[in-house]
Amino acid sequence: YIAVDRSQRGQGVGKRLMQEAISTASGGIALHVEPENPAKLLYESLGFTNKYLEMRLAK
């Protein structure tokens, strides 16, 4: 997991963490992100794309 404390959000911390993860990864990176997660916009700005649609049945 990668998370940024609420008091530090909007200062580029998450972007720097993700850029470091991307630069040090030896292969592809997959993320699980809830659709309403504000970080989804960050991931998209870094080139991540939505590959799958997850479907659930709640009972």
C-alpha atoms as a PDB file:
ATOM      1  CA  TYR A   1       0.000   0.000   0.000  1.00  0.00           C
ATOM      2  CA  ILE A   2       0.993   3.578  -0.609  1.00  0.00           C
ATOM      3  CA  ALA A   3      -0.789   6.249   1.372  1.00  0.00           C
ATOM      4  CA  VAL A   4      -0.230   9.902   2.176  1.00  0.00           C
ATOM      5  CA  ASP A   5      -1.414  11.448   5.423  1.00  0.00           C
ATOM      6  CA  ARG A   6      -4.329  13.833   4.918  1.00  0.00           C
ATOM      7  CA  SER A   7      -2.266  16.745   6.243  1.00  0.00           C
ATOM      8  CA  GLN A   8       0.335  16.183   3.498  1.00  0.00           C
ATOM      9  CA  ARG A   9      -1.983  15.644   0.531  1.00  0.00           C
ATOM     10  CA  GLY A  10      -1.860  18.040  -2.388  1.00  0.00           C
ATOM     11  CA  GLN A  11       1.859  18.689  -1.932  1.00  0.00           C
ATOM     12  CA  GLY A  12       3.193  16.200  -4.484  1.00  0.00           C
ATOM     13  CA  VAL A  13       4.187  13.542  -1.940  1.00  0.00           C
ATOM     14  CA  GLY A  14       2.072  10.813  -3.548  1.00  0.00           C
ATOM     15  CA  LYS A  15       3.344  11.704  -7.003  1.00  0.00           C
ATOM     16  CA  ARG A  16       6.960  11.490  -5.869  1.00  0.00           C
ATOM     17  CA  LEU A  17       6.302   8.129  -4.170  1.00  0.00           C
ATOM     18  CA  MET A  18       4.697   6.748  -7.314  1.00  0.00           C
ATOM     19  CA  GLN A  19       7.448   8.101  -9.577  1.00  0.00           C
ATOM     20  CA  GLU A  20      10.038   6.374  -7.398  1.00  0.00           C
ATOM     21  CA  ALA A  21       8.064   3.110  -7.446  1.00  0.00           C
ATOM     22  CA  ILE A  22       7.753   3.302 -11.235  1.00  0.00           C
ATOM     23  CA  SER A  23      11.442   4.038 -11.749  1.00  0.00           C
ATOM     24  CA  THR A  24      12.606   1.196  -9.499  1.00  0.00           C
ATOM     25  CA  ALA A  25      10.125  -1.457 -10.689  1.00  0.00           C
ATOM     26  CA  SER A  26      11.652  -4.083 -12.951  1.00  0.00           C
ATOM     27  CA  GLY A  27       8.326  -4.892 -14.595  1.00  0.00           C
ATOM     28  CA  GLY A  28       4.802  -3.644 -14.948  1.00  0.00           C
ATOM     29  CA  ILE A  29       2.769  -2.309 -12.043  1.00  0.00           C
ATOM     30  CA  ALA A  30      -0.863  -3.157 -11.307  1.00  0.00           C
ATOM     31  CA  LEU A  31      -3.035  -1.157  -8.920  1.00  0.00           C
ATOM     32  CA  HIS A  32      -6.402  -1.862  -7.330  1.00  0.00           C
ATOM     33  CA  VAL A  33      -8.208   1.458  -6.992  1.00  0.00           C
ATOM     34  CA  GLU A  34     -11.788   2.141  -5.997  1.00  0.00           C
ATOM     35  CA  PRO A  35     -13.541   4.297  -8.644  1.00  0.00           C
ATOM     36  CA  GLU A  36     -14.205   7.159  -6.199  1.00  0.00           C
ATOM     37  CA  ASN A  37     -10.631   7.257  -4.848  1.00  0.00           C
ATOM     38  CA  PRO A  38      -9.178  10.737  -5.568  1.00  0.00           C
ATOM     39  CA  ALA A  39      -5.758   9.122  -6.159  1.00  0.00           C
ATOM     40  CA  LYS A  40      -7.179   7.568  -9.344  1.00  0.00           C
ATOM     41  CA  LEU A  41      -6.580  10.909 -11.086  1.00  0.00           C
ATOM     42  CA  LEU A  42      -2.934  10.835  -9.993  1.00  0.00           C
ATOM     43  CA  TYR A  43      -2.453   7.313 -11.347  1.00  0.00           C
ATOM     44  CA  GLU A  44      -4.051   8.268 -14.655  1.00  0.00           C
ATOM     45  CA  SER A  45      -1.784  11.325 -14.914  1.00  0.00           C
ATOM     46  CA  LEU A  46       1.198   8.978 -14.533  1.00  0.00           C
ATOM     47  CA  GLY A  47       0.025   6.817 -17.442  1.00  0.00           C
ATOM     48  CA  PHE A  48      -1.951   4.086 -15.681  1.00  0.00           C
ATOM     49  CA  THR A  49      -5.027   2.901 -17.560  1.00  0.00           C
ATOM     50  CA  ASN A  50      -8.155   1.024 -16.516  1.00  0.00           C
ATOM     51  CA  LYS A  51      -7.808  -2.496 -17.904  1.00  0.00           C
ATOM     52  CA  TYR A  52     -10.548  -4.423 -16.100  1.00  0.00           C
ATOM     53  CA  LEU A  53     -14.065  -3.927 -14.844  1.00  0.00           C
ATOM     54  CA  GLU A  54     -14.832  -5.689 -11.570  1.00  0.00           C
ATOM     55  CA  MET A  55     -18.397  -6.847 -11.092  1.00  0.00           C
ATOM     56  CA  ARG A  56     -19.921  -7.865  -7.757  1.00  0.00           C
ATOM     57  CA  LEU A  57     -23.232  -9.168  -6.508  1.00  0.00           C
ATOM     58  CA  ALA A  58     -24.166  -7.970  -3.027  1.00  0.00           C
ATOM     59  CA  LYS A  59     -26.653 -10.146  -1.130  1.00  0.00           C
END
